[in-house]
PDB file of N, CA and C in Angstrom:
ATOM      1  N   MET A   1       4.935  -8.343  26.752  1.00  0.00           N
ATOM      2  CA  MET A   1       6.119  -7.979  26.029  1.00  0.00           C
ATOM      3  C   MET A   1       5.808  -6.715  25.232  1.00  0.00           C
ATOM      4  N   LYS A   2       6.655  -5.713  25.324  1.00  0.00           N
ATOM      5  CA  LYS A   2       6.477  -4.472  24.588  1.00  0.00           C
ATOM      6  C   LYS A   2       7.027  -4.607  23.180  1.00  0.00           C
ATOM      7  N   ALA A   3       6.360  -3.946  22.258  1.00  0.00           N
ATOM      8  CA  ALA A   3       6.823  -3.956  20.870  1.00  0.00           C
ATOM      9  C   ALA A   3       8.009  -3.018  20.718  1.00  0.00           C
ATOM     10  N   ALA A   4       8.923  -3.394  19.881  1.00  0.00           N
ATOM     11  CA  ALA A   4      10.072  -2.539  19.597  1.00  0.00           C
ATOM     12  C   ALA A   4       9.617  -1.388  18.711  1.00  0.00           C
ATOM     13  N   LYS A   5      10.244  -0.237  18.864  1.00  0.00           N
ATOM     14  CA  LYS A   5       9.915   0.897  18.013  1.00  0.00           C
ATOM     15  C   LYS A   5      10.542   0.679  16.645  1.00  0.00           C
ATOM     16  N   GLY A   6       9.804   1.019  15.621  1.00  0.00           N
ATOM     17  CA  GLY A   6      10.284   0.838  14.261  1.00  0.00           C
ATOM     18  C   GLY A   6       9.122   0.887  13.302  1.00  0.00           C
ATOM     19  N   PRO A   7       9.365   0.562  12.058  1.00  0.00           N
ATOM     20  CA  PRO A   7       8.292   0.614  11.062  1.00  0.00           C
ATOM     21  C   PRO A   7       7.249  -0.467  11.326  1.00  0.00           C
ATOM     22  N   PRO A   8       5.991  -0.231  10.872  1.00  0.00           N
ATOM     23  CA  PRO A   8       4.983  -1.278  11.026  1.00  0.00           C
ATOM     24  C   PRO A   8       5.304  -2.439  10.087  1.00  0.00           C
ATOM     25  N   LEU A   9       5.216  -3.640  10.618  1.00  0.00           N
ATOM     26  CA  LEU A   9       5.562  -4.835   9.844  1.00  0.00           C
ATOM     27  C   LEU A   9       4.435  -5.844   9.903  1.00  0.00           C
ATOM     28  N   ARG A  10       4.331  -6.682   8.871  1.00  0.00           N
ATOM     29  CA  ARG A  10       3.374  -7.789   8.864  1.00  0.00           C
ATOM     30  C   ARG A  10       4.178  -9.075   8.715  1.00  0.00           C
ATOM     31  N   LEU A  11       3.958  -9.986   9.622  1.00  0.00           N
ATOM     32  CA  LEU A  11       4.623 -11.281   9.595  1.00  0.00           C
ATOM     33  C   LEU A  11       3.587 -12.335   9.251  1.00  0.00           C
ATOM     34  N   SER A  12       3.859 -13.121   8.218  1.00  0.00           N
ATOM     35  CA  SER A  12       2.961 -14.196   7.803  1.00  0.00           C
ATOM     36  C   SER A  12       3.725 -15.508   7.828  1.00  0.00           C
ATOM     37  N   VAL A  13       3.072 -16.535   8.352  1.00  0.00           N
ATOM     38  CA  VAL A  13       3.651 -17.878   8.360  1.00  0.00           C
ATOM     39  C   VAL A  13       2.649 -18.807   7.683  1.00  0.00           C
ATOM     40  N   SER A  14       3.092 -19.544   6.664  1.00  0.00           N
ATOM     41  CA  SER A  14       2.212 -20.434   5.911  1.00  0.00           C
ATOM     42  C   SER A  14       2.792 -21.839   5.865  1.00  0.00           C
ATOM     43  N   ASP A  15       1.905 -22.828   5.975  1.00  0.00           N
ATOM     44  CA  ASP A  15       2.290 -24.229   5.824  1.00  0.00           C
ATOM     45  C   ASP A  15       1.991 -24.620   4.386  1.00  0.00           C
ATOM     46  N   LEU A  16       3.010 -24.950   3.640  1.00  0.00           N
ATOM     47  CA  LEU A  16       2.850 -25.295   2.224  1.00  0.00           C
ATOM     48  C   LEU A  16       3.100 -26.778   1.992  1.00  0.00           C
ATOM     49  N   GLY A  17       2.450 -27.613   2.767  1.00  0.00           N
ATOM     50  CA  GLY A  17       2.581 -29.057   2.585  1.00  0.00           C
ATOM     51  C   GLY A  17       3.974 -29.583   2.871  1.00  0.00           C
ATOM     52  N   GLY A  18       4.431 -29.427   4.071  1.00  0.00           N
ATOM     53  CA  GLY A  18       5.749 -29.923   4.452  1.00  0.00           C
ATOM     54  C   GLY A  18       6.823 -28.859   4.430  1.00  0.00           C
ATOM     55  N   VAL A  19       6.502 -27.696   3.912  1.00  0.00           N
ATOM     56  CA  VAL A  19       7.436 -26.575   3.871  1.00  0.00           C
ATOM     57  C   VAL A  19       6.771 -25.395   4.565  1.00  0.00           C
ATOM     58  N   THR A  20       7.504 -24.713   5.410  1.00  0.00           N
ATOM     59  CA  THR A  20       6.975 -23.531   6.076  1.00  0.00           C
ATOM     60  C   THR A  20       7.545 -22.291   5.415  1.00  0.00           C
ATOM     61  N   GLU A  21       6.662 -21.380   5.026  1.00  0.00           N
ATOM     62  CA  GLU A  21       7.082 -20.120   4.408  1.00  0.00           C
ATOM     63  C   GLU A  21       6.862 -18.989   5.407  1.00  0.00           C
ATOM     64  N   ILE A  22       7.895 -18.197   5.628  1.00  0.00           N
ATOM     65  CA  ILE A  22       7.811 -17.037   6.508  1.00  0.00           C
ATOM     66  C   ILE A  22       8.015 -15.802   5.653  1.00  0.00           C
ATOM     67  N   SER A  23       7.085 -14.855   5.771  1.00  0.00           N
ATOM     68  CA  SER A  23       7.135 -13.639   4.975  1.00  0.00           C
ATOM     69  C   SER A  23       7.048 -12.434   5.904  1.00  0.00           C
ATOM     70  N   LEU A  24       7.912 -11.447   5.673  1.00  0.00           N
ATOM     71  CA  LEU A  24       7.914 -10.219   6.456  1.00  0.00           C
ATOM     72  C   LEU A  24       7.739  -9.055   5.491  1.00  0.00           C
ATOM     73  N   GLN A  25       6.697  -8.235   5.726  1.00  0.00           N
ATOM     74  CA  GLN A  25       6.386  -7.128   4.827  1.00  0.00           C
ATOM     75  C   GLN A  25       6.425  -5.812   5.601  1.00  0.00           C
ATOM     76  N   ASP A  26       7.125  -4.825   5.055  1.00  0.00           N
ATOM     77  CA  ASP A  26       7.178  -3.484   5.630  1.00  0.00           C
ATOM     78  C   ASP A  26       5.929  -2.735   5.192  1.00  0.00           C
ATOM     79  N   LEU A  27       5.117  -2.260   6.135  1.00  0.00           N
ATOM     80  CA  LEU A  27       3.862  -1.586   5.832  1.00  0.00           C
ATOM     81  C   LEU A  27       3.979  -0.061   5.864  1.00  0.00           C
ATOM     82  N   THR A  28       5.190   0.452   5.886  1.00  0.00           N
ATOM     83  CA  THR A  28       5.386   1.900   5.904  1.00  0.00           C
ATOM     84  C   THR A  28       4.863   2.494   4.597  1.00  0.00           C
ATOM     85  N   PRO A  29       3.941   3.476   4.686  1.00  0.00           N
ATOM     86  CA  PRO A  29       3.434   4.076   3.450  1.00  0.00           C
ATOM     87  C   PRO A  29       4.513   4.916   2.772  1.00  0.00           C
ATOM     88  N   PRO A  30       4.422   5.057   1.453  1.00  0.00           N
ATOM     89  CA  PRO A  30       5.409   5.884   0.750  1.00  0.00           C
ATOM     90  C   PRO A  30       5.268   7.340   1.182  1.00  0.00           C
ATOM     91  N   PRO A  31       6.337   8.108   1.109  1.00  0.00           N
ATOM     92  CA  PRO A  31       6.249   9.514   1.509  1.00  0.00           C
ATOM     93  C   PRO A  31       5.327  10.289   0.557  1.00  0.00           C
ATOM     94  N   VAL A  32       4.663  11.293   1.100  1.00  0.00           N
ATOM     95  CA  VAL A  32       3.759  12.124   0.310  1.00  0.00           C
ATOM     96  C   VAL A  32       4.574  13.172  -0.434  1.00  0.00           C
ATOM     97  N   ASP A  33       4.290  13.329  -1.727  1.00  0.00           N
ATOM     98  CA  ASP A  33       4.970  14.339  -2.548  1.00  0.00           C
ATOM     99  C   ASP A  33       4.255  15.662  -2.318  1.00  0.00           C
ATOM    100  N   THR A  34       4.859  16.543  -1.563  1.00  0.00           N
ATOM    101  CA  THR A  34       4.229  17.818  -1.201  1.00  0.00           C
ATOM    102  C   THR A  34       4.244  18.829  -2.340  1.00  0.00           C
ATOM    103  N   THR A  35       4.898  18.499  -3.464  1.00  0.00           N
ATOM    104  CA  THR A  35       4.942  19.429  -4.588  1.00  0.00           C
ATOM    105  C   THR A  35       3.718  19.281  -5.495  1.00  0.00           C
ATOM    106  N   LEU A  36       2.923  18.228  -5.298  1.00  0.00           N
ATOM    107  CA  LEU A  36       1.756  17.992  -6.138  1.00  0.00           C
ATOM    108  C   LEU A  36       0.526  18.702  -5.585  1.00  0.00           C
ATOM    109  N   THR A  37      -0.345  19.135  -6.496  1.00  0.00           N
ATOM    110  CA  THR A  37      -1.626  19.685  -6.058  1.00  0.00           C
ATOM    111  C   THR A  37      -2.539  18.516  -5.701  1.00  0.00           C
ATOM    112  N   GLU A  38      -3.661  18.815  -5.066  1.00  0.00           N
ATOM    113  CA  GLU A  38      -4.604  17.757  -4.704  1.00  0.00           C
ATOM    114  C   GLU A  38      -5.116  17.049  -5.959  1.00  0.00           C
ATOM    115  N   GLU A  39      -5.388  17.821  -7.014  1.00  0.00           N
ATOM    116  CA  GLU A  39      -5.874  17.236  -8.268  1.00  0.00           C
ATOM    117  C   GLU A  39      -4.825  16.299  -8.880  1.00  0.00           C
ATOM    118  N   GLU A  40      -3.558  16.685  -8.819  1.00  0.00           N
ATOM    119  CA  GLU A  40      -2.489  15.843  -9.359  1.00  0.00           C
ATOM    120  C   GLU A  40      -2.362  14.541  -8.559  1.00  0.00           C
ATOM    121  N   ARG A  41      -2.548  14.602  -7.248  1.00  0.00           N
ATOM    122  CA  ARG A  41      -2.492  13.378  -6.425  1.00  0.00           C
ATOM    123  C   ARG A  41      -3.629  12.424  -6.811  1.00  0.00           C
ATOM    124  N   TRP A  42      -4.837  12.958  -7.018  1.00  0.00           N
ATOM    125  CA  TRP A  42      -5.967  12.138  -7.444  1.00  0.00           C
ATOM    126  C   TRP A  42      -5.649  11.490  -8.796  1.00  0.00           C
ATOM    127  N   ARG A  43      -5.123  12.284  -9.722  1.00  0.00           N
ATOM    128  CA  ARG A  43      -4.827  11.785 -11.072  1.00  0.00           C
ATOM    129  C   ARG A  43      -3.805  10.648 -11.016  1.00  0.00           C
ATOM    130  N   ARG A  44      -2.781  10.801 -10.200  1.00  0.00           N
ATOM    131  CA  ARG A  44      -1.771   9.732 -10.067  1.00  0.00           C
ATOM    132  C   ARG A  44      -2.376   8.447  -9.520  1.00  0.00           C
ATOM    133  N   ALA A  45      -3.441   8.602  -8.727  1.00  0.00           N
ATOM    134  CA  ALA A  45      -4.135   7.430  -8.187  1.00  0.00           C
ATOM    135  C   ALA A  45      -5.123   6.850  -9.194  1.00  0.00           C
ATOM    136  N   GLY A  46      -5.256   7.524 -10.363  1.00  0.00           N
ATOM    137  CA  GLY A  46      -6.158   7.033 -11.396  1.00  0.00           C
ATOM    138  C   GLY A  46      -7.597   7.450 -11.186  1.00  0.00           C
ATOM    139  N   LEU A  47      -7.800   8.500 -10.387  1.00  0.00           N
ATOM    140  CA  LEU A  47      -9.149   8.942 -10.061  1.00  0.00           C
ATOM    141  C   LEU A  47      -9.337  10.425 -10.330  1.00  0.00           C
ATOM    142  N   LYS A  48     -10.604  10.818 -10.472  1.00  0.00           N
ATOM    143  CA  LYS A  48     -10.965  12.228 -10.540  1.00  0.00           C
ATOM    144  C   LYS A  48     -11.133  12.714  -9.099  1.00  0.00           C
ATOM    145  N   PRO A  49     -11.068  14.024  -8.843  1.00  0.00           N
ATOM    146  CA  PRO A  49     -11.268  14.521  -7.472  1.00  0.00           C
ATOM    147  C   PRO A  49     -12.613  14.124  -6.863  1.00  0.00           C
ATOM    148  N   THR A  50     -13.586  13.764  -7.698  1.00  0.00           N
ATOM    149  CA  THR A  50     -14.888  13.302  -7.197  1.00  0.00           C
ATOM    150  C   THR A  50     -14.849  11.845  -6.750  1.00  0.00           C
ATOM    151  N   GLY A  51     -13.736  11.166  -7.026  1.00  0.00           N
ATOM    152  CA  GLY A  51     -13.595   9.761  -6.665  1.00  0.00           C
ATOM    153  C   GLY A  51     -13.919   8.815  -7.804  1.00  0.00           C
ATOM    154  N   GLU A  52     -14.350   9.362  -8.951  1.00  0.00           N
ATOM    155  CA  GLU A  52     -14.649   8.532 -10.111  1.00  0.00           C
ATOM    156  C   GLU A  52     -13.340   8.073 -10.775  1.00  0.00           C
ATOM    157  N   VAL A  53     -13.413   6.962 -11.475  1.00  0.00           N
ATOM    158  CA  VAL A  53     -12.254   6.430 -12.186  1.00  0.00           C
ATOM    159  C   VAL A  53     -11.979   7.295 -13.412  1.00  0.00           C
ATOM    160  N   LEU A  54     -10.708   7.668 -13.621  1.00  0.00           N
ATOM    161  CA  LEU A  54     -10.334   8.476 -14.779  1.00  0.00           C
ATOM    162  C   LEU A  54     -10.611   7.755 -16.086  1.00  0.00           C
ATOM    163  N   ASP A  55     -10.177   6.517 -16.176  1.00  0.00           N
ATOM    164  CA  ASP A  55     -10.332   5.723 -17.403  1.00  0.00           C
ATOM    165  C   ASP A  55     -11.074   4.442 -17.045  1.00  0.00           C
ATOM    166  N   PRO A  56     -12.393   4.400 -17.271  1.00  0.00           N
ATOM    167  CA  PRO A  56     -13.172   3.217 -16.885  1.00  0.00           C
ATOM    168  C   PRO A  56     -12.704   1.919 -17.547  1.00  0.00           C
ATOM    169  N   THR A  57     -12.010   2.018 -18.692  1.00  0.00           N
ATOM    170  CA  THR A  57     -11.525   0.788 -19.334  1.00  0.00           C
ATOM    171  C   THR A  57     -10.356   0.180 -18.571  1.00  0.00           C
ATOM    172  N   ARG A  58      -9.765   0.957 -17.672  1.00  0.00           N
ATOM    173  CA  ARG A  58      -8.643   0.452 -16.869  1.00  0.00           C
ATOM    174  C   ARG A  58      -9.025   0.421 -15.395  1.00  0.00           C
ATOM    175  N   ALA A  59     -10.301   0.155 -15.114  1.00  0.00           N
ATOM    176  CA  ALA A  59     -10.806   0.133 -13.737  1.00  0.00           C
ATOM    177  C   ALA A  59     -10.063  -0.902 -12.912  1.00  0.00           C
ATOM    178  N   MET A  60      -9.936  -0.612 -11.632  1.00  0.00           N
ATOM    179  CA  MET A  60      -9.206  -1.487 -10.722  1.00  0.00           C
ATOM    180  C   MET A  60      -9.959  -2.736 -10.538  1.00  0.00           C
TER     181      MET A  60
END
């Protein structure tokens, strides 16, 4: 069976003790803001351009 064209999706099915939960998640990444510099993109991610955490007290 061929996959339909469209956004990437994740389907999860869980058994919760007599109840079945079905979850569908859209995995499409957010669009890239082309107006930001590379340094600004790193900062928004909470990192320095070297990959270090900007604020170690708020580490992930």
